[in-house]
Protein backbone atom coordinates (compact mmCIF):
# COMPACT_ATOMS: atom_id res chain seq x y z
CA UNK A 1 24.78 3.42 -1.95
CA UNK A 2 26.73 5.43 -4.55
CA UNK A 3 28.84 7.18 -1.92
CA UNK A 4 29.63 3.90 -0.19
CA UNK A 5 30.78 2.17 -3.38
CA UNK A 6 32.89 5.13 -4.47
CA UNK A 7 34.64 5.33 -1.11
CA UNK A 8 35.73 1.71 -1.04
CA UNK A 9 36.95 1.45 -4.62
CA UNK A 10 40.30 3.18 -3.96
CA UNK A 11 41.17 0.89 -1.04
CA UNK A 12 39.99 -2.14 -2.96
CA UNK A 13 42.12 -1.40 -6.05
CA UNK A 14 45.24 -0.28 -4.19
CA UNK A 15 45.28 -3.46 -2.12
CA UNK A 16 44.48 -5.75 -5.05
CA UNK A 17 47.12 -8.48 -5.56
CA UNK A 18 46.22 -9.03 -9.23
CA UNK A 19 48.19 -7.73 -12.19
CA UNK A 20 47.69 -4.27 -13.68
CA UNK A 21 45.61 -5.61 -16.59
CA UNK A 22 43.31 -7.53 -14.25
CA UNK A 23 42.92 -4.55 -11.95
CA UNK A 24 42.07 -2.36 -14.92
CA UNK A 25 39.39 -4.78 -16.10
CA UNK A 26 37.98 -5.05 -12.57
CA UNK A 27 37.88 -1.27 -12.27
CA UNK A 28 36.03 -1.03 -15.59
CA UNK A 29 33.45 -3.57 -14.46
CA UNK A 30 33.16 -1.79 -11.13
CA UNK A 31 32.42 1.59 -12.73
CA UNK A 32 29.93 -0.01 -15.12
CA UNK A 33 28.25 -1.58 -12.12
CA UNK A 34 27.96 1.80 -10.42
CA UNK A 35 26.44 3.30 -13.58
CA UNK A 36 23.93 0.45 -13.85
CA UNK A 37 22.99 0.86 -10.20
CA UNK A 38 22.50 4.61 -10.57
CA UNK A 39 20.26 3.95 -13.59
CA UNK A 40 18.16 1.49 -11.60
CA UNK A 41 19.34 -1.58 -13.55
CA UNK A 42 19.95 -3.65 -10.46
CA UNK A 43 20.25 -7.05 -12.14
CA UNK A 44 22.95 -5.68 -14.42
CA UNK A 45 24.66 -3.90 -11.52
CA UNK A 46 24.99 -6.99 -9.38
CA UNK A 47 26.22 -9.06 -12.34
CA UNK A 48 28.96 -6.53 -13.12
CA UNK A 49 30.03 -6.18 -9.50
CA UNK A 50 30.23 -9.93 -9.10
CA UNK A 51 32.37 -10.16 -12.25
CA UNK A 52 34.69 -7.53 -10.79
CA UNK A 53 34.83 -9.42 -7.50
CA UNK A 54 35.76 -12.62 -9.31
CA UNK A 55 38.81 -10.84 -10.72
CA UNK A 56 39.89 -8.85 -7.68
CA UNK A 57 38.12 -9.90 -4.50
CA UNK A 58 37.72 -7.73 -1.43
CA UNK A 59 35.41 -7.73 1.60
CA UNK A 60 34.34 -4.19 0.73
CA UNK A 61 33.12 -5.26 -2.67
CA UNK A 62 31.30 -8.19 -1.09
CA UNK A 63 29.50 -5.68 1.14
CA UNK A 64 28.46 -3.61 -1.86
CA UNK A 65 27.14 -6.68 -3.66
CA UNK A 66 25.13 -7.47 -0.54
CA UNK A 67 23.70 -3.95 -0.57
CA UNK A 68 22.54 -4.31 -4.17
CA UNK A 69 20.86 -7.64 -3.37
CA UNK A 70 19.31 -5.92 -0.35
CA UNK A 71 17.86 -3.22 -2.61
CA UNK A 72 16.57 -5.90 -4.99
CA UNK A 73 14.78 -7.68 -2.16
CA UNK A 74 16.83 -10.83 -2.83
CA UNK A 75 17.00 -11.75 0.83
CA UNK A 76 18.97 -14.98 0.70
CA UNK A 77 21.74 -13.63 -1.54
CA UNK A 78 21.91 -10.46 0.56
CA UNK A 79 22.27 -12.51 3.75
CA UNK A 80 24.93 -14.75 2.20
CA UNK A 81 27.06 -11.80 1.13
CA UNK A 82 26.59 -9.83 4.34
CA UNK A 83 27.66 -12.88 6.35
CA UNK A 84 30.67 -13.36 4.09
CA UNK A 85 31.60 -9.74 4.69
CA UNK A 86 31.38 -10.25 8.47
CA UNK A 87 33.67 -13.29 8.27
CA UNK A 88 36.25 -11.55 6.11
CA UNK A 89 36.23 -7.95 7.36
CA UNK A 90 35.43 -8.61 11.03
CA UNK A 91 33.87 -5.16 11.57
CA UNK A 92 33.26 -3.95 15.11
CA UNK A 93 31.07 -1.48 16.96
CA UNK A 94 28.50 0.50 15.01
CA UNK A 95 29.56 -1.02 11.69
CA UNK A 96 28.98 -4.55 12.98
CA UNK A 97 25.64 -3.50 14.47
CA UNK A 98 24.55 -2.00 11.14
CA UNK A 99 25.34 -5.20 9.22
CA UNK A 100 23.62 -7.33 11.86
CA UNK A 101 20.53 -5.11 11.54
CA UNK A 102 20.52 -5.53 7.76
CA UNK A 103 20.81 -9.32 8.08
CA UNK A 104 17.93 -9.39 10.56
CA UNK A 105 15.79 -7.34 8.17
CA UNK A 106 16.58 -9.69 5.30
CA UNK A 107 15.73 -12.73 7.42
CA UNK A 108 12.40 -11.15 8.31
CA UNK A 109 11.76 -10.48 4.61
CA UNK A 110 12.60 -14.09 3.77
CA UNK A 111 10.13 -15.33 6.40
CA UNK A 112 7.47 -13.04 5.03
CA UNK A 113 7.98 -14.27 1.49
CA UNK A 114 7.35 -17.79 2.76
CA UNK A 115 4.34 -16.79 4.85
CA UNK A 116 3.08 -14.43 2.10
CA UNK A 117 1.65 -12.02 4.69
CA UNK A 118 3.10 -10.29 7.73
CA UNK A 119 2.32 -12.58 10.64
CA UNK A 120 3.71 -10.50 13.51
CA UNK A 121 1.50 -7.57 14.51
CA UNK A 122 3.02 -4.24 15.54
CA UNK A 123 3.69 -3.60 19.20
CA UNK A 124 0.79 -2.98 21.57
CA UNK A 125 1.80 0.68 21.74
CA UNK A 126 1.01 1.08 18.05
CA UNK A 127 -1.99 -1.21 17.63
CA UNK A 128 -5.21 -1.19 19.64
CA UNK A 129 -6.53 -4.43 21.09
CA UNK A 130 -9.40 -4.42 18.60
CA UNK A 131 -7.04 -4.02 15.67
CA UNK A 132 -4.79 -6.79 16.99
CA UNK A 133 -7.71 -9.24 17.25
CA UNK A 134 -8.73 -8.59 13.64
CA UNK A 135 -5.11 -8.69 12.44
CA UNK A 136 -4.50 -12.10 13.99
CA UNK A 137 -7.84 -13.37 12.71
CA UNK A 138 -6.88 -12.25 9.21
CA UNK A 139 -3.55 -14.09 9.41
CA UNK A 140 -5.33 -17.26 10.58
CA UNK A 141 -7.88 -17.05 7.76
CA UNK A 142 -5.17 -16.41 5.19
CA UNK A 143 -3.22 -19.48 6.31
CA UNK A 144 -6.39 -21.52 5.84
CA UNK A 145 -6.69 -20.01 2.34
CA UNK A 146 -9.96 -18.36 3.29
CA UNK A 147 -8.97 -15.20 1.49
CA UNK A 148 -12.33 -13.43 1.51
CA UNK A 149 -12.55 -13.83 5.30
CA UNK A 150 -8.94 -12.70 5.63
CA UNK A 151 -9.68 -9.59 3.57
CA UNK A 152 -12.63 -8.73 5.79
CA UNK A 153 -10.55 -9.15 8.94
CA UNK A 154 -7.66 -7.06 7.64
CA UNK A 155 -10.11 -4.38 6.54
CA UNK A 156 -11.53 -4.26 10.06
CA UNK A 157 -8.01 -3.99 11.50
CA UNK A 158 -7.26 -1.19 9.04
CA UNK A 159 -10.27 0.77 10.31
CA UNK A 160 -8.71 0.72 13.79
CA UNK A 161 -5.05 1.11 12.87
CA UNK A 162 -3.68 2.08 9.44
CA UNK A 163 -0.24 0.67 10.11
CA UNK A 164 2.15 -0.62 7.41
CA UNK A 165 1.77 -4.25 8.45
CA UNK A 166 -2.01 -4.04 8.11
CA UNK A 167 -1.79 -2.22 4.79
CA UNK A 168 0.60 -4.81 3.36
CA UNK A 169 -1.65 -7.69 4.37
CA UNK A 170 -4.63 -5.89 2.87
CA UNK A 171 -2.73 -5.63 -0.41
CA UNK A 172 -1.93 -9.35 -0.45
CA UNK A 173 -5.48 -10.37 0.51
CA UNK A 174 -6.93 -8.01 -2.14
CA UNK A 175 -4.64 -9.60 -4.70
CA UNK A 176 -5.75 -13.12 -3.73
CA UNK A 177 -9.44 -12.18 -3.98
CA UNK A 178 -9.10 -10.60 -7.42
CA UNK A 179 -9.40 -6.97 -6.31
CA UNK A 180 -6.46 -5.91 -8.46
CA UNK A 181 -6.78 -2.14 -8.25
CA UNK A 182 -7.29 -2.28 -4.49
CA UNK A 183 -4.15 -4.42 -4.21
CA UNK A 184 -2.18 -1.89 -6.24
CA UNK A 185 -3.48 1.00 -4.13
CA UNK A 186 -2.62 -0.74 -0.86
CA UNK A 187 0.85 -1.71 -2.08
CA UNK A 188 1.44 1.94 -3.00
CA UNK A 189 0.19 3.07 0.40
CA UNK A 190 2.58 0.61 1.99
CA UNK A 191 5.52 1.99 0.00
CA UNK A 192 4.62 5.53 1.06
CA UNK A 193 4.67 4.39 4.68
CA UNK A 194 7.97 2.54 4.29
CA UNK A 195 9.84 4.16 1.39
CA UNK A 196 13.19 2.65 2.42
CA UNK A 197 11.95 -0.80 3.43
CA UNK A 198 14.04 -3.82 2.42
CA UNK A 199 11.07 -5.18 0.45
CA UNK A 200 10.65 -2.11 -1.76
CA UNK A 201 11.92 -3.83 -4.91
CA UNK A 202 9.69 -6.84 -4.31
CA UNK A 203 6.58 -4.68 -3.79
CA UNK A 204 7.38 -2.61 -6.87
CA UNK A 205 7.59 -5.83 -8.90
CA UNK A 206 4.21 -6.95 -7.55
CA UNK A 207 2.67 -3.64 -8.61
CA UNK A 208 4.20 -3.91 -12.08
CA UNK A 209 2.91 -7.46 -12.48
CA UNK A 210 -0.60 -6.45 -11.38
CA UNK A 211 -0.60 -3.54 -13.81
CA UNK A 212 0.62 -5.63 -16.75
CA UNK A 213 -1.98 -6.46 -19.45
CA UNK A 214 -3.52 -9.89 -19.03
């Protein structure tokens, strides 16, 4: 992320139509946004980058804002800014394919936030038939709010296939049934399996909330 932002800043500022004072202020906000991002202050980073964009707009900056929202797990804002970038920059080839992949991942994350659990099992090459049966049973029980039954089903699936999708659903079901430490442990296992997943920020927030004093 840092390398990407640093590379586009020169093009962005050179092509900026605003006056020297405005460009200077936008550059200051931009650098502050980079510093906030590097320090892990993502809310502050996206606010500063959006302020810079309001002064001197560019498709490249829109892309970087989308990347910060992506890291935050803010799927709808990430999608909105990625799509704006596609309209304005009209990238082609591998660059277009990369943005399309990021949008697809954010849409999947948005669906999961609504469903609360992962509803699509891994491919048959990764999951045994036994695991798939228990996985789908767990999803059905969860949708019926039968969380204890869902937890049992996901646990059975886990015994056959310790895949990220199963681990994530185990974390959510453990959380719903009051098994807080188990939920934390499963969320951490999920992050180890998918360290660069688009939902990392969301899962980290769930862990922090579960660990907070009640």
